[in-house]
Amino acid sequence: MSVFQEDPDRTARYITDCRRMGIGILRPSVNKSGLDFTIEASSEAPEAICYGLGGKKNVGDGAAGLIVEARGLEGEFSDVVDFALRVDLRRVGKRALESLIMVGALDDFGS
């Protein structure tokens, strides 16, 4: 799936196939997701595919890489303020941040 993450139609088809086969798909998360799709254990499923941040429209590998790098240095983000302080939002960009919010990648911080 990571190979085709730039093609939303193909990715959607693979996600549909995964759900049909009973494989869980987790939403992207700034605290869990990598650049690409990964395998994660969660409360929703013992093993599921976690959507990569780089695969989201308007985010791209540059912005996703900054987020993953900041999380790798000091651990998971505790809240949106911690996220804003540790990630260079000038380099991530408004469109990327809006896209992450719309897909639920910041839902760990509250509704």
C-alpha atoms as a PDB file:
ATOM      1  CA  MET A   1       0.000   0.000   0.000  1.00  0.00           C
ATOM      2  CA  SER A   2       2.906   2.351   0.682  1.00  0.00           C
ATOM      3  CA  VAL A   3       4.001   2.071  -2.937  1.00  0.00           C
ATOM      4  CA  PHE A   4       0.647   3.431  -4.129  1.00  0.00           C
ATOM      5  CA  GLN A   5      -0.016   6.001  -1.390  1.00  0.00           C
ATOM      6  CA  GLU A   6       0.215   8.848  -3.918  1.00  0.00           C
ATOM      7  CA  ASP A   7      -2.717   7.302  -5.848  1.00  0.00           C
ATOM      8  CA  PRO A   8      -5.855   7.822  -3.706  1.00  0.00           C
ATOM      9  CA  ASP A   9      -8.072   5.625  -5.911  1.00  0.00           C
ATOM     10  CA  ARG A  10      -5.743   2.659  -5.668  1.00  0.00           C
ATOM     11  CA  THR A  11      -5.185   3.164  -1.944  1.00  0.00           C
ATOM     12  CA  ALA A  12      -8.952   3.290  -1.365  1.00  0.00           C
ATOM     13  CA  ARG A  13      -9.368   0.050  -3.291  1.00  0.00           C
ATOM     14  CA  TYR A  14      -6.705  -1.671  -1.147  1.00  0.00           C
ATOM     15  CA  ILE A  15      -8.256  -0.344   2.059  1.00  0.00           C
ATOM     16  CA  THR A  16     -11.638  -1.708   0.964  1.00  0.00           C
ATOM     17  CA  ASP A  17     -10.017  -5.090   0.300  1.00  0.00           C
ATOM     18  CA  CYS A  18      -8.388  -5.048   3.749  1.00  0.00           C
ATOM     19  CA  ARG A  19     -11.689  -4.312   5.472  1.00  0.00           C
ATOM     20  CA  ARG A  20     -13.408  -7.042   3.464  1.00  0.00           C
ATOM     21  CA  MET A  21     -10.755  -9.504   4.692  1.00  0.00           C
ATOM     22  CA  GLY A  22     -11.157  -8.354   8.304  1.00  0.00           C
ATOM     23  CA  ILE A  23      -7.877  -6.447   8.488  1.00  0.00           C
ATOM     24  CA  GLY A  24      -8.265  -3.307  10.584  1.00  0.00           C
ATOM     25  CA  ILE A  25      -7.291   0.095   9.227  1.00  0.00           C
ATOM     26  CA  LEU A  26      -6.353   2.754  11.787  1.00  0.00           C
ATOM     27  CA  ARG A  27      -6.694   6.436  11.028  1.00  0.00           C
ATOM     28  CA  PRO A  28      -3.532   8.499  10.769  1.00  0.00           C
ATOM     29  CA  SER A  29      -2.188   9.833  14.051  1.00  0.00           C
ATOM     30  CA  VAL A  30       0.633  12.267  14.727  1.00  0.00           C
ATOM     31  CA  ASN A  31       1.510  10.114  17.760  1.00  0.00           C
ATOM     32  CA  LYS A  32       1.506   6.706  16.054  1.00  0.00           C
ATOM     33  CA  SER A  33       1.868   6.975  12.267  1.00  0.00           C
ATOM     34  CA  GLY A  34       5.121   6.862  10.370  1.00  0.00           C
ATOM     35  CA  LEU A  35       5.743   8.176   6.885  1.00  0.00           C
ATOM     36  CA  ASP A  36       4.312   5.032   5.304  1.00  0.00           C
ATOM     37  CA  PHE A  37       1.734   2.448   6.283  1.00  0.00           C
ATOM     38  CA  THR A  38       2.810   0.394   9.300  1.00  0.00           C
ATOM     39  CA  ILE A  39       1.466  -2.522  11.324  1.00  0.00           C
ATOM     40  CA  GLU A  40       0.202  -1.497  14.757  1.00  0.00           C
ATOM     41  CA  ALA A  41      -1.560  -3.169  17.669  1.00  0.00           C
ATOM     42  CA  SER A  42      -4.501  -1.222  19.056  1.00  0.00           C
ATOM     43  CA  SER A  43      -7.604  -1.557  21.175  1.00  0.00           C
ATOM     44  CA  GLU A  44      -9.600  -1.775  17.931  1.00  0.00           C
ATOM     45  CA  ALA A  45      -7.707  -4.783  16.561  1.00  0.00           C
ATOM     46  CA  PRO A  46      -4.783  -6.987  17.679  1.00  0.00           C
ATOM     47  CA  GLU A  47      -2.963  -6.064  14.480  1.00  0.00           C
ATOM     48  CA  ALA A  48      -4.067  -3.391  12.056  1.00  0.00           C
ATOM     49  CA  ILE A  49      -2.630  -1.232   9.323  1.00  0.00           C
ATOM     50  CA  CYS A  50      -1.930   2.301  10.486  1.00  0.00           C
ATOM     51  CA  TYR A  51      -2.258   4.908   7.754  1.00  0.00           C
ATOM     52  CA  GLY A  52       0.981   6.769   7.079  1.00  0.00           C
ATOM     53  CA  LEU A  53       1.187  10.538   7.402  1.00  0.00           C
ATOM     54  CA  GLY A  54       2.989  10.877   4.080  1.00  0.00           C
ATOM     55  CA  GLY A  55       0.060   9.291   2.267  1.00  0.00           C
ATOM     56  CA  LYS A  56      -2.381  12.052   3.064  1.00  0.00           C
ATOM     57  CA  LYS A  57      -3.249  14.627   0.441  1.00  0.00           C
ATOM     58  CA  ASN A  58      -1.552  18.025   0.946  1.00  0.00           C
ATOM     59  CA  VAL A  59       0.791  16.659   3.633  1.00  0.00           C
ATOM     60  CA  GLY A  60       3.644  15.048   1.752  1.00  0.00           C
ATOM     61  CA  ASP A  61       6.841  13.424   2.937  1.00  0.00           C
ATOM     62  CA  GLY A  62       8.530  16.675   3.988  1.00  0.00           C
ATOM     63  CA  ALA A  63       5.916  17.735   6.520  1.00  0.00           C
ATOM     64  CA  ALA A  64       5.305  14.158   7.653  1.00  0.00           C
ATOM     65  CA  GLY A  65       9.039  13.653   8.131  1.00  0.00           C
ATOM     66  CA  LEU A  66       9.259  16.714  10.387  1.00  0.00           C
ATOM     67  CA  ILE A  67       6.435  15.396  12.560  1.00  0.00           C
ATOM     68  CA  VAL A  68       7.910  11.893  12.806  1.00  0.00           C
ATOM     69  CA  GLU A  69      11.358  13.333  13.550  1.00  0.00           C
ATOM     70  CA  ALA A  70      10.039  15.591  16.358  1.00  0.00           C
ATOM     71  CA  ARG A  71       8.146  12.662  17.872  1.00  0.00           C
ATOM     72  CA  GLY A  72      11.251  10.482  17.672  1.00  0.00           C
ATOM     73  CA  LEU A  73      13.375  13.012  19.564  1.00  0.00           C
ATOM     74  CA  GLU A  74      11.131  13.580  22.587  1.00  0.00           C
ATOM     75  CA  GLY A  75       8.371  10.968  22.419  1.00  0.00           C
ATOM     76  CA  GLU A  76       4.665  11.318  21.751  1.00  0.00           C
ATOM     77  CA  PHE A  77       3.005  14.726  21.772  1.00  0.00           C
ATOM     78  CA  SER A  78       0.980  15.364  24.915  1.00  0.00           C
ATOM     79  CA  ASP A  79      -1.381  17.958  23.459  1.00  0.00           C
ATOM     80  CA  VAL A  80      -1.781  20.372  20.566  1.00  0.00           C
ATOM     81  CA  VAL A  81       0.380  23.007  22.282  1.00  0.00           C
ATOM     82  CA  ASP A  82       3.210  20.498  22.707  1.00  0.00           C
ATOM     83  CA  PHE A  83       2.802  19.574  19.022  1.00  0.00           C
ATOM     84  CA  ALA A  84       2.932  23.243  17.947  1.00  0.00           C
ATOM     85  CA  LEU A  85       6.025  23.936  20.059  1.00  0.00           C
ATOM     86  CA  ARG A  86       8.019  20.905  18.895  1.00  0.00           C
ATOM     87  CA  VAL A  87       7.137  20.874  15.180  1.00  0.00           C
ATOM     88  CA  ASP A  88       8.218  23.777  12.968  1.00  0.00           C
ATOM     89  CA  LEU A  89       4.775  24.805  11.720  1.00  0.00           C
ATOM     90  CA  ARG A  90       6.319  27.210   9.204  1.00  0.00           C
ATOM     91  CA  ARG A  91       7.798  24.180   7.430  1.00  0.00           C
ATOM     92  CA  VAL A  92       4.768  21.948   7.872  1.00  0.00           C
ATOM     93  CA  GLY A  93       2.417  24.574   6.452  1.00  0.00           C
ATOM     94  CA  LYS A  94      -1.194  25.549   6.917  1.00  0.00           C
ATOM     95  CA  ARG A  95      -2.596  23.247   4.218  1.00  0.00           C
ATOM     96  CA  ALA A  96      -0.781  20.216   5.598  1.00  0.00           C
ATOM     97  CA  LEU A  97      -1.960  20.971   9.136  1.00  0.00           C
ATOM     98  CA  GLU A  98      -5.556  21.485   7.965  1.00  0.00           C
ATOM     99  CA  SER A  99      -5.445  18.177   6.091  1.00  0.00           C
ATOM    100  CA  LEU A 100      -4.109  16.362   9.163  1.00  0.00           C
ATOM    101  CA  ILE A 101      -6.897  17.837  11.278  1.00  0.00           C
ATOM    102  CA  MET A 102      -9.573  16.864   8.727  1.00  0.00           C
ATOM    103  CA  VAL A 103      -8.451  13.210   8.583  1.00  0.00           C
ATOM    104  CA  GLY A 104      -8.307  12.939  12.381  1.00  0.00           C
ATOM    105  CA  ALA A 105      -4.530  12.787  12.831  1.00  0.00           C
ATOM    106  CA  LEU A 106      -4.786  15.180  15.794  1.00  0.00           C
ATOM    107  CA  ASP A 107      -7.793  13.502  17.430  1.00  0.00           C
ATOM    108  CA  ASP A 108      -5.550  12.098  20.173  1.00  0.00           C
ATOM    109  CA  PHE A 109      -5.616  15.585  21.682  1.00  0.00           C
ATOM    110  CA  GLY A 110      -9.406  15.760  22.085  1.00  0.00           C
ATOM    111  CA  SER A 111     -12.498  16.471  20.035  1.00  0.00           C
END
